[in-house]
PDB file of N, CA and C in Angstrom:
ATOM      1  N   MET A   1      98.018  86.551 150.612  1.00  0.00           N
ATOM      2  CA  MET A   1      97.284  85.749 151.519  1.00  0.00           C
ATOM      3  C   MET A   1      96.982  86.638 152.758  1.00  0.00           C
ATOM      4  N   THR A   2      95.775  86.606 153.279  1.00  0.00           N
ATOM      5  CA  THR A   2      95.410  87.505 154.426  1.00  0.00           C
ATOM      6  C   THR A   2      94.871  86.405 155.308  1.00  0.00           C
ATOM      7  N   LEU A   3      95.314  86.503 156.615  1.00  0.00           N
ATOM      8  CA  LEU A   3      94.827  85.548 157.693  1.00  0.00           C
ATOM      9  C   LEU A   3      94.199  86.537 158.679  1.00  0.00           C
ATOM     10  N   LEU A   4      93.167  86.174 159.047  1.00  0.00           N
ATOM     11  CA  LEU A   4      92.426  86.692 160.244  1.00  0.00           C
ATOM     12  C   LEU A   4      92.388  85.611 161.393  1.00  0.00           C
ATOM     13  N   LEU A   5      93.184  86.000 162.481  1.00  0.00           N
ATOM     14  CA  LEU A   5      93.434  84.799 163.500  1.00  0.00           C
ATOM     15  C   LEU A   5      92.954  85.467 164.914  1.00  0.00           C
ATOM     16  N   GLU A   6      92.601  84.392 165.769  1.00  0.00           N
ATOM     17  CA  GLU A   6      92.281  84.866 167.070  1.00  0.00           C
ATOM     18  C   GLU A   6      93.571  85.106 167.901  1.00  0.00           C
ATOM     19  N   ARG A   7      93.574  86.108 168.803  1.00  0.00           N
ATOM     20  CA  ARG A   7      94.783  86.378 169.632  1.00  0.00           C
ATOM     21  C   ARG A   7      94.283  86.474 171.134  1.00  0.00           C
ATOM     22  N   SER A   8      95.237  85.974 172.103  1.00  0.00           N
ATOM     23  CA  SER A   8      94.866  85.943 173.512  1.00  0.00           C
ATOM     24  C   SER A   8      94.759  87.401 173.976  1.00  0.00           C
ATOM     25  N   ASP A   9      95.376  88.513 173.219  1.00  0.00           N
ATOM     26  CA  ASP A   9      95.363  89.826 173.643  1.00  0.00           C
ATOM     27  C   ASP A   9      93.797  90.424 173.501  1.00  0.00           C
ATOM     28  N   ASP A  10      93.147  89.819 172.537  1.00  0.00           N
ATOM     29  CA  ASP A  10      91.586  90.058 172.227  1.00  0.00           C
ATOM     30  C   ASP A  10      90.645  89.303 172.888  1.00  0.00           C
ATOM     31  N   ASN A  11      90.921  88.154 173.302  1.00  0.00           N
ATOM     32  CA  ASN A  11      90.347  87.145 173.753  1.00  0.00           C
ATOM     33  C   ASN A  11      90.851  86.263 174.922  1.00  0.00           C
ATOM     34  N   PRO A  12      90.726  86.707 176.198  1.00  0.00           N
ATOM     35  CA  PRO A  12      91.324  86.059 177.197  1.00  0.00           C
ATOM     36  C   PRO A  12      91.010  84.526 177.405  1.00  0.00           C
ATOM     37  N   HIS A  13      90.060  84.002 176.800  1.00  0.00           N
ATOM     38  CA  HIS A  13      89.727  82.741 176.737  1.00  0.00           C
ATOM     39  C   HIS A  13      90.423  81.929 175.855  1.00  0.00           C
ATOM     40  N   TYR A  14      91.134  82.482 174.814  1.00  0.00           N
ATOM     41  CA  TYR A  14      91.759  82.006 173.630  1.00  0.00           C
ATOM     42  C   TYR A  14      93.272  81.368 174.195  1.00  0.00           C
ATOM     43  N   THR A  15      93.498  80.156 174.158  1.00  0.00           N
ATOM     44  CA  THR A  15      94.622  79.436 174.449  1.00  0.00           C
ATOM     45  C   THR A  15      95.353  78.875 173.610  1.00  0.00           C
ATOM     46  N   GLY A  16      95.379  79.290 172.260  1.00  0.00           N
ATOM     47  CA  GLY A  16      96.322  78.802 171.090  1.00  0.00           C
ATOM     48  C   GLY A  16      97.328  79.550 171.115  1.00  0.00           C
ATOM     49  N   PRO A  17      98.164  79.303 169.900  1.00  0.00           N
ATOM     50  CA  PRO A  17      99.530  79.968 169.930  1.00  0.00           C
ATOM     51  C   PRO A  17      99.330  81.461 169.709  1.00  0.00           C
ATOM     52  N   SER A  18     100.316  82.193 170.099  1.00  0.00           N
ATOM     53  CA  SER A  18     100.117  83.755 170.175  1.00  0.00           C
ATOM     54  C   SER A  18     100.220  84.424 168.681  1.00  0.00           C
ATOM     55  N   GLN A  19     101.113  83.456 167.886  1.00  0.00           N
ATOM     56  CA  GLN A  19     101.429  83.732 166.405  1.00  0.00           C
ATOM     57  C   GLN A  19     101.365  82.398 165.691  1.00  0.00           C
ATOM     58  N   PRO A  20     100.145  81.896 165.375  1.00  0.00           N
ATOM     59  CA  PRO A  20     100.058  80.800 164.555  1.00  0.00           C
ATOM     60  C   PRO A  20     100.641  80.895 163.210  1.00  0.00           C
ATOM     61  N   LEU A  21     101.335  79.921 162.668  1.00  0.00           N
ATOM     62  CA  LEU A  21     101.829  79.826 161.311  1.00  0.00           C
ATOM     63  C   LEU A  21     102.864  81.103 161.124  1.00  0.00           C
ATOM     64  N   PRO A  22     103.816  81.236 162.148  1.00  0.00           N
ATOM     65  CA  PRO A  22     104.817  82.446 162.003  1.00  0.00           C
ATOM     66  C   PRO A  22     105.545  82.686 160.904  1.00  0.00           C
ATOM     67  N   HIS A  23     105.996  81.555 160.135  1.00  0.00           N
ATOM     68  CA  HIS A  23     106.764  81.689 159.061  1.00  0.00           C
ATOM     69  C   HIS A  23     106.015  81.823 157.660  1.00  0.00           C
ATOM     70  N   LEU A  24     104.652  81.764 157.730  1.00  0.00           N
ATOM     71  CA  LEU A  24     103.868  82.012 156.636  1.00  0.00           C
ATOM     72  C   LEU A  24     103.713  83.236 156.092  1.00  0.00           C
ATOM     73  N   PRO A  25     104.073  83.604 154.915  1.00  0.00           N
ATOM     74  CA  PRO A  25     104.081  85.052 154.550  1.00  0.00           C
ATOM     75  C   PRO A  25     102.694  85.375 154.312  1.00  0.00           C
ATOM     76  N   ALA A  26     102.058  86.276 154.964  1.00  0.00           N
ATOM     77  CA  ALA A  26     100.804  86.576 154.861  1.00  0.00           C
ATOM     78  C   ALA A  26     100.485  88.155 155.474  1.00  0.00           C
ATOM     79  N   THR A  27      99.587  88.786 155.086  1.00  0.00           N
ATOM     80  CA  THR A  27      98.946  89.938 155.712  1.00  0.00           C
ATOM     81  C   THR A  27      98.111  89.386 157.040  1.00  0.00           C
ATOM     82  N   ARG A  28      98.421  89.859 158.104  1.00  0.00           N
ATOM     83  CA  ARG A  28      97.612  89.324 159.379  1.00  0.00           C
ATOM     84  C   ARG A  28      96.607  90.465 159.770  1.00  0.00           C
ATOM     85  N   LEU A  29      95.501  89.997 160.098  1.00  0.00           N
ATOM     86  CA  LEU A  29      94.259  90.871 160.827  1.00  0.00           C
ATOM     87  C   LEU A  29      94.072  90.286 162.013  1.00  0.00           C
ATOM     88  N   ALA A  30      93.522  90.937 162.947  1.00  0.00           N
ATOM     89  CA  ALA A  30      92.945  90.647 164.167  1.00  0.00           C
ATOM     90  C   ALA A  30      91.698  91.452 164.435  1.00  0.00           C
ATOM     91  N   TRP A  31      90.785  90.957 165.175  1.00  0.00           N
ATOM     92  CA  TRP A  31      89.542  91.551 165.608  1.00  0.00           C
ATOM     93  C   TRP A  31      89.874  92.018 167.012  1.00  0.00           C
ATOM     94  N   PRO A  32      90.106  93.264 167.168  1.00  0.00           N
ATOM     95  CA  PRO A  32      90.385  93.680 168.407  1.00  0.00           C
ATOM     96  C   PRO A  32      89.389  93.709 169.606  1.00  0.00           C
ATOM     97  N   ALA A  33      89.784  93.546 170.757  1.00  0.00           N
ATOM     98  CA  ALA A  33      88.743  93.401 171.932  1.00  0.00           C
ATOM     99  C   ALA A  33      87.921  94.735 171.863  1.00  0.00           C
ATOM    100  N   SER A  34      88.458  95.770 171.527  1.00  0.00           N
ATOM    101  CA  SER A  34      87.869  97.171 171.482  1.00  0.00           C
ATOM    102  C   SER A  34      86.466  97.234 170.497  1.00  0.00           C
ATOM    103  N   GLN A  35      86.616  96.181 169.575  1.00  0.00           N
ATOM    104  CA  GLN A  35      85.695  96.161 168.588  1.00  0.00           C
ATOM    105  C   GLN A  35      84.630  94.906 168.549  1.00  0.00           C
ATOM    106  N   ARG A  36      84.579  94.253 169.789  1.00  0.00           N
ATOM    107  CA  ARG A  36      83.719  93.165 170.066  1.00  0.00           C
ATOM    108  C   ARG A  36      83.260  93.326 171.335  1.00  0.00           C
ATOM    109  N   ARG A  37      82.132  92.540 171.484  1.00  0.00           N
ATOM    110  CA  ARG A  37      81.372  92.562 172.861  1.00  0.00           C
ATOM    111  C   ARG A  37      82.251  91.663 173.767  1.00  0.00           C
ATOM    112  N   PRO A  38      82.221  91.866 175.155  1.00  0.00           N
ATOM    113  CA  PRO A  38      82.941  90.960 176.157  1.00  0.00           C
ATOM    114  C   PRO A  38      82.622  89.431 175.788  1.00  0.00           C
ATOM    115  N   SER A  39      83.622  88.757 175.723  1.00  0.00           N
ATOM    116  CA  SER A  39      83.539  87.243 175.656  1.00  0.00           C
ATOM    117  C   SER A  39      83.269  86.701 174.239  1.00  0.00           C
ATOM    118  N   ALA A  40      83.110  87.639 173.234  1.00  0.00           N
ATOM    119  CA  ALA A  40      82.985  87.175 171.867  1.00  0.00           C
ATOM    120  C   ALA A  40      84.031  86.568 171.341  1.00  0.00           C
ATOM    121  N   ALA A  41      84.016  85.526 170.528  1.00  0.00           N
ATOM    122  CA  ALA A  41      85.231  84.747 170.200  1.00  0.00           C
ATOM    123  C   ALA A  41      85.240  84.770 168.509  1.00  0.00           C
ATOM    124  N   LEU A  42      86.299  84.872 168.022  1.00  0.00           N
ATOM    125  CA  LEU A  42      86.282  84.725 166.603  1.00  0.00           C
ATOM    126  C   LEU A  42      86.294  83.212 166.140  1.00  0.00           C
ATOM    127  N   HIS A  43      85.153  82.669 165.624  1.00  0.00           N
ATOM    128  CA  HIS A  43      84.816  81.509 165.300  1.00  0.00           C
ATOM    129  C   HIS A  43      84.715  81.189 163.752  1.00  0.00           C
ATOM    130  N   ALA A  44      84.676  82.299 163.013  1.00  0.00           N
ATOM    131  CA  ALA A  44      84.465  82.122 161.624  1.00  0.00           C
ATOM    132  C   ALA A  44      85.658  81.317 160.914  1.00  0.00           C
ATOM    133  N   LYS A  45      85.466  80.465 159.879  1.00  0.00           N
ATOM    134  CA  LYS A  45      86.296  79.776 159.119  1.00  0.00           C
ATOM    135  C   LYS A  45      86.040  80.138 157.583  1.00  0.00           C
ATOM    136  N   LEU A  46      86.747  80.867 157.146  1.00  0.00           N
ATOM    137  CA  LEU A  46      86.399  81.304 155.459  1.00  0.00           C
ATOM    138  C   LEU A  46      87.724  81.240 154.717  1.00  0.00           C
ATOM    139  N   THR A  47      87.740  80.622 153.667  1.00  0.00           N
ATOM    140  CA  THR A  47      88.680  80.738 152.651  1.00  0.00           C
ATOM    141  C   THR A  47      88.225  81.192 151.159  1.00  0.00           C
ATOM    142  N   VAL A  48      88.812  82.059 150.628  1.00  0.00           N
ATOM    143  CA  VAL A  48      88.430  82.631 149.399  1.00  0.00           C
ATOM    144  C   VAL A  48      89.606  82.630 148.423  1.00  0.00           C
ATOM    145  N   VAL A  49      89.590  81.885 147.330  1.00  0.00           N
ATOM    146  CA  VAL A  49      90.675  81.803 146.347  1.00  0.00           C
ATOM    147  C   VAL A  49      90.182  82.611 145.113  1.00  0.00           C
ATOM    148  N   ASP A  50      91.040  83.540 144.761  1.00  0.00           N
ATOM    149  CA  ASP A  50      90.971  84.201 143.423  1.00  0.00           C
ATOM    150  C   ASP A  50      89.627  84.635 143.242  1.00  0.00           C
ATOM    151  N   GLN A  51      88.674  85.169 144.254  1.00  0.00           N
ATOM    152  CA  GLN A  51      87.369  85.570 144.086  1.00  0.00           C
ATOM    153  C   GLN A  51      86.458  84.804 143.286  1.00  0.00           C
ATOM    154  N   GLU A  52      86.839  83.672 143.195  1.00  0.00           N
ATOM    155  CA  GLU A  52      85.964  82.505 142.395  1.00  0.00           C
ATOM    156  C   GLU A  52      85.552  81.410 143.333  1.00  0.00           C
ATOM    157  N   THR A  53      86.201  81.021 144.405  1.00  0.00           N
ATOM    158  CA  THR A  53      86.068  79.902 145.056  1.00  0.00           C
ATOM    159  C   THR A  53      85.999  80.165 146.561  1.00  0.00           C
ATOM    160  N   ALA A  54      84.964  79.780 147.405  1.00  0.00           N
ATOM    161  CA  ALA A  54      84.912  80.108 148.622  1.00  0.00           C
ATOM    162  C   ALA A  54      84.634  78.694 149.429  1.00  0.00           C
ATOM    163  N   LEU A  55      85.315  78.650 150.569  1.00  0.00           N
ATOM    164  CA  LEU A  55      85.114  77.430 151.687  1.00  0.00           C
ATOM    165  C   LEU A  55      84.791  78.034 152.796  1.00  0.00           C
ATOM    166  N   ILE A  56      83.515  77.794 153.219  1.00  0.00           N
ATOM    167  CA  ILE A  56      83.039  78.345 154.577  1.00  0.00           C
ATOM    168  C   ILE A  56      82.634  77.116 155.438  1.00  0.00           C
ATOM    169  N   GLY A  57      82.902  77.123 156.624  1.00  0.00           N
ATOM    170  CA  GLY A  57      82.555  76.076 157.553  1.00  0.00           C
ATOM    171  C   GLY A  57      82.867  76.120 159.119  1.00  0.00           C
ATOM    172  N   SER A  58      82.764  75.199 159.792  1.00  0.00           N
ATOM    173  CA  SER A  58      82.881  75.322 161.157  1.00  0.00           C
ATOM    174  C   SER A  58      84.167  74.846 161.672  1.00  0.00           C
ATOM    175  N   SER A  59      84.786  73.992 160.808  1.00  0.00           N
ATOM    176  CA  SER A  59      86.040  73.161 161.145  1.00  0.00           C
ATOM    177  C   SER A  59      87.153  73.939 161.691  1.00  0.00           C
ATOM    178  N   ASN A  60      87.787  73.623 162.937  1.00  0.00           N
ATOM    179  CA  ASN A  60      89.100  74.111 163.154  1.00  0.00           C
ATOM    180  C   ASN A  60      90.176  73.103 162.544  1.00  0.00           C
ATOM    181  N   LEU A  61      91.085  73.707 162.236  1.00  0.00           N
ATOM    182  CA  LEU A  61      92.351  72.972 161.554  1.00  0.00           C
ATOM    183  C   LEU A  61      93.167  72.375 162.816  1.00  0.00           C
ATOM    184  N   THR A  62      92.586  71.636 163.599  1.00  0.00           N
ATOM    185  CA  THR A  62      93.437  70.886 164.744  1.00  0.00           C
ATOM    186  C   THR A  62      93.188  69.459 164.563  1.00  0.00           C
ATOM    187  N   SER A  63      94.088  68.653 165.091  1.00  0.00           N
ATOM    188  CA  SER A  63      93.948  67.351 165.057  1.00  0.00           C
ATOM    189  C   SER A  63      92.699  66.906 165.810  1.00  0.00           C
ATOM    190  N   PHE A  64      92.531  67.310 166.960  1.00  0.00           N
ATOM    191  CA  PHE A  64      91.346  67.068 167.806  1.00  0.00           C
ATOM    192  C   PHE A  64      90.075  67.348 167.043  1.00  0.00           C
ATOM    193  N   ALA A  65      89.938  68.448 166.500  1.00  0.00           N
ATOM    194  CA  ALA A  65      88.737  68.839 165.500  1.00  0.00           C
ATOM    195  C   ALA A  65      88.557  67.934 164.474  1.00  0.00           C
ATOM    196  N   LEU A  66      89.454  67.453 163.887  1.00  0.00           N
ATOM    197  CA  LEU A  66      89.530  66.632 162.629  1.00  0.00           C
ATOM    198  C   LEU A  66      89.150  65.025 162.970  1.00  0.00           C
ATOM    199  N   GLU A  67      89.844  64.930 164.200  1.00  0.00           N
ATOM    200  CA  GLU A  67      89.798  63.281 164.662  1.00  0.00           C
ATOM    201  C   GLU A  67      88.440  63.081 165.486  1.00  0.00           C
ATOM    202  N   HIS A  68      87.980  64.019 166.241  1.00  0.00           N
ATOM    203  CA  HIS A  68      86.885  63.841 167.280  1.00  0.00           C
ATOM    204  C   HIS A  68      85.682  64.521 167.097  1.00  0.00           C
ATOM    205  N   ASN A  69      85.514  65.688 166.246  1.00  0.00           N
ATOM    206  CA  ASN A  69      84.351  66.450 166.130  1.00  0.00           C
ATOM    207  C   ASN A  69      83.615  66.285 164.984  1.00  0.00           C
ATOM    208  N   LEU A  70      82.375  66.698 164.850  1.00  0.00           N
ATOM    209  CA  LEU A  70      81.691  66.440 163.789  1.00  0.00           C
ATOM    210  C   LEU A  70      81.617  67.969 163.123  1.00  0.00           C
ATOM    211  N   GLU A  71      82.366  68.064 161.915  1.00  0.00           N
ATOM    212  CA  GLU A  71      82.625  69.376 161.534  1.00  0.00           C
ATOM    213  C   GLU A  71      81.934  69.389 160.018  1.00  0.00           C
ATOM    214  N   CYS A  72      81.774  70.591 159.539  1.00  0.00           N
ATOM    215  CA  CYS A  72      81.121  70.879 158.211  1.00  0.00           C
ATOM    216  C   CYS A  72      81.715  71.924 157.497  1.00  0.00           C
ATOM    217  N   ARG A  73      81.924  71.819 156.275  1.00  0.00           N
ATOM    218  CA  ARG A  73      82.292  72.982 155.304  1.00  0.00           C
ATOM    219  C   ARG A  73      81.446  72.842 154.046  1.00  0.00           C
ATOM    220  N   VAL A  74      81.349  74.117 153.491  1.00  0.00           N
ATOM    221  CA  VAL A  74      80.707  74.077 152.060  1.00  0.00           C
ATOM    222  C   VAL A  74      81.492  74.893 151.239  1.00  0.00           C
ATOM    223  N   LEU A  75      81.572  74.234 149.988  1.00  0.00           N
ATOM    224  CA  LEU A  75      82.590  74.708 148.865  1.00  0.00           C
ATOM    225  C   LEU A  75      81.707  75.400 147.804  1.00  0.00           C
ATOM    226  N   ILE A  76      81.991  76.613 147.559  1.00  0.00           N
ATOM    227  CA  ILE A  76      81.277  77.408 146.627  1.00  0.00           C
ATOM    228  C   ILE A  76      82.187  77.798 145.359  1.00  0.00           C
ATOM    229  N   ARG A  77      81.786  77.295 144.260  1.00  0.00           N
ATOM    230  CA  ARG A  77      82.681  77.747 143.111  1.00  0.00           C
ATOM    231  C   ARG A  77      81.681  78.448 142.082  1.00  0.00           C
ATOM    232  N   GLY A  78      82.228  79.616 141.790  1.00  0.00           N
ATOM    233  CA  GLY A  78      81.605  80.608 140.936  1.00  0.00           C
ATOM    234  C   GLY A  78      80.522  81.373 141.850  1.00  0.00           C
ATOM    235  N   GLY A  79      79.843  82.153 140.874  1.00  0.00           N
ATOM    236  CA  GLY A  79      78.783  82.946 141.282  1.00  0.00           C
ATOM    237  C   GLY A  79      79.378  84.227 142.067  1.00  0.00           C
ATOM    238  N   PRO A  80      78.411  85.098 142.652  1.00  0.00           N
ATOM    239  CA  PRO A  80      78.840  86.265 143.337  1.00  0.00           C
ATOM    240  C   PRO A  80      79.502  86.025 144.678  1.00  0.00           C
ATOM    241  N   GLN A  81      79.262  84.938 145.482  1.00  0.00           N
ATOM    242  CA  GLN A  81      79.596  84.881 146.890  1.00  0.00           C
ATOM    243  C   GLN A  81      81.056  85.026 147.192  1.00  0.00           C
ATOM    244  N   PRO A  82      81.953  84.465 146.460  1.00  0.00           N
ATOM    245  CA  PRO A  82      83.314  84.504 146.975  1.00  0.00           C
ATOM    246  C   PRO A  82      83.881  85.873 146.895  1.00  0.00           C
ATOM    247  N   SER A  83      83.464  86.923 145.883  1.00  0.00           N
ATOM    248  CA  SER A  83      83.943  88.017 145.846  1.00  0.00           C
ATOM    249  C   SER A  83      83.252  88.869 147.009  1.00  0.00           C
ATOM    250  N   GLU A  84      82.038  88.643 147.252  1.00  0.00           N
ATOM    251  CA  GLU A  84      81.118  89.293 148.093  1.00  0.00           C
ATOM    252  C   GLU A  84      81.747  89.067 149.547  1.00  0.00           C
ATOM    253  N   ILE A  85      82.245  87.942 149.908  1.00  0.00           N
ATOM    254  CA  ILE A  85      82.923  87.572 151.155  1.00  0.00           C
ATOM    255  C   ILE A  85      84.272  88.448 151.187  1.00  0.00           C
ATOM    256  N   SER A  86      84.913  88.481 150.139  1.00  0.00           N
ATOM    257  CA  SER A  86      86.283  89.185 150.227  1.00  0.00           C
ATOM    258  C   SER A  86      85.935  90.714 150.369  1.00  0.00           C
ATOM    259  N   GLU A  87      84.813  91.225 149.760  1.00  0.00           N
ATOM    260  CA  GLU A  87      84.570  92.707 150.001  1.00  0.00           C
ATOM    261  C   GLU A  87      84.030  92.876 151.164  1.00  0.00           C
ATOM    262  N   HIS A  88      83.163  92.042 151.894  1.00  0.00           N
ATOM    263  CA  HIS A  88      82.781  92.173 153.443  1.00  0.00           C
ATOM    264  C   HIS A  88      84.103  92.312 154.264  1.00  0.00           C
ATOM    265  N   ILE A  89      84.944  91.572 153.939  1.00  0.00           N
ATOM    266  CA  ILE A  89      86.352  91.525 154.912  1.00  0.00           C
ATOM    267  C   ILE A  89      86.877  92.784 154.625  1.00  0.00           C
ATOM    268  N   ARG A  90      87.007  93.255 153.336  1.00  0.00           N
ATOM    269  CA  ARG A  90      87.490  94.568 153.197  1.00  0.00           C
ATOM    270  C   ARG A  90      86.835  95.769 153.834  1.00  0.00           C
ATOM    271  N   GLN A  91      85.455  95.644 153.894  1.00  0.00           N
ATOM    272  CA  GLN A  91      84.725  96.679 154.622  1.00  0.00           C
ATOM    273  C   GLN A  91      84.931  96.675 156.064  1.00  0.00           C
ATOM    274  N   LEU A  92      85.186  95.504 156.565  1.00  0.00           N
ATOM    275  CA  LEU A  92      85.289  95.370 158.036  1.00  0.00           C
ATOM    276  C   LEU A  92      86.673  96.171 158.353  1.00  0.00           C
ATOM    277  N   VAL A  93      87.663  96.068 157.498  1.00  0.00           N
ATOM    278  CA  VAL A  93      89.017  96.657 157.837  1.00  0.00           C
ATOM    279  C   VAL A  93      88.733  97.969 157.644  1.00  0.00           C
ATOM    280  N   THR A  94      88.174  98.522 156.485  1.00  0.00           N
ATOM    281  CA  THR A  94      87.836  99.973 156.249  1.00  0.00           C
ATOM    282  C   THR A  94      87.201 100.569 157.500  1.00  0.00           C
ATOM    283  N   LEU A  95      86.334 100.008 158.095  1.00  0.00           N
ATOM    284  CA  LEU A  95      85.529 100.455 159.172  1.00  0.00           C
ATOM    285  C   LEU A  95      86.468 100.296 160.539  1.00  0.00           C
ATOM    286  N   SER A  96      87.517  99.632 160.489  1.00  0.00           N
ATOM    287  CA  SER A  96      88.460  99.495 161.653  1.00  0.00           C
ATOM    288  C   SER A  96      87.871  98.333 162.608  1.00  0.00           C
ATOM    289  N   HIS A  97      86.920  97.597 162.158  1.00  0.00           N
ATOM    290  CA  HIS A  97      86.449  96.438 162.828  1.00  0.00           C
ATOM    291  C   HIS A  97      87.517  95.290 163.009  1.00  0.00           C
ATOM    292  N   LEU A  98      88.286  95.096 161.968  1.00  0.00           N
ATOM    293  CA  LEU A  98      89.329  94.296 161.898  1.00  0.00           C
ATOM    294  C   LEU A  98      90.586  95.172 161.395  1.00  0.00           C
ATOM    295  N   ARG A  99      91.839  94.888 162.075  1.00  0.00           N
ATOM    296  CA  ARG A  99      92.961  95.500 161.919  1.00  0.00           C
ATOM    297  C   ARG A  99      94.107  94.727 161.979  1.00  0.00           C
ATOM    298  N   ALA A 100      95.346  95.454 161.374  1.00  0.00           N
ATOM    299  CA  ALA A 100      96.611  94.581 161.579  1.00  0.00           C
ATOM    300  C   ALA A 100      97.026  94.737 162.899  1.00  0.00           C
ATOM    301  N   PRO A 101      97.422  93.421 163.640  1.00  0.00           N
ATOM    302  CA  PRO A 101      97.859  93.543 164.962  1.00  0.00           C
ATOM    303  C   PRO A 101      99.091  94.262 164.979  1.00  0.00           C
ATOM    304  N   PRO A 102      99.295  94.943 166.398  1.00  0.00           N
ATOM    305  CA  PRO A 102     100.482  95.516 166.424  1.00  0.00           C
ATOM    306  C   PRO A 102     101.681  94.408 166.523  1.00  0.00           C
ATOM    307  N   ALA A 103     102.934  94.967 165.875  1.00  0.00           N
ATOM    308  CA  ALA A 103     104.061  94.086 165.839  1.00  0.00           C
ATOM    309  C   ALA A 103     104.485  93.725 167.087  1.00  0.00           C
ATOM    310  N   THR A 104     105.015  92.539 167.129  1.00  0.00           N
ATOM    311  CA  THR A 104     105.469  92.013 168.437  1.00  0.00           C
ATOM    312  C   THR A 104     107.057  91.595 168.127  1.00  0.00           C
ATOM    313  N   ALA A 105     107.838  91.684 169.238  1.00  0.00           N
ATOM    314  CA  ALA A 105     109.235  91.304 169.185  1.00  0.00           C
ATOM    315  C   ALA A 105     109.656  90.198 168.473  1.00  0.00           C
ATOM    316  N   SER A 106     108.641  89.245 168.454  1.00  0.00           N
ATOM    317  CA  SER A 106     108.930  87.763 167.647  1.00  0.00           C
ATOM    318  C   SER A 106     108.732  87.766 166.367  1.00  0.00           C
ATOM    319  N   SER A 107     107.978  88.874 165.929  1.00  0.00           N
ATOM    320  CA  SER A 107     107.340  88.832 164.423  1.00  0.00           C
ATOM    321  C   SER A 107     108.471  89.620 163.571  1.00  0.00           C
TER     322      SER A 107
END
């Protein structure tokens, strides 16, 4: 499992936890401030399972978002899109647009 999560180190407007889901074993990626325009936020929500299924949408997984917002997600089963999404993320890592965040004392 790979998680790409927003961090306050990269986005000063981000107010969420510094290490979401800390006990979940996963490879973690970040979008460093040096690789984005000022005030840009990580808003994408993508899930790819086994290169066969993709879930793409706007919804945040917070109680507020799920209880108060109008959110949308699209489920894609089969076809080339799930593996193309995974490849796109791999290319962003290869180009250093996405990187493993530095280790912290709490991780």
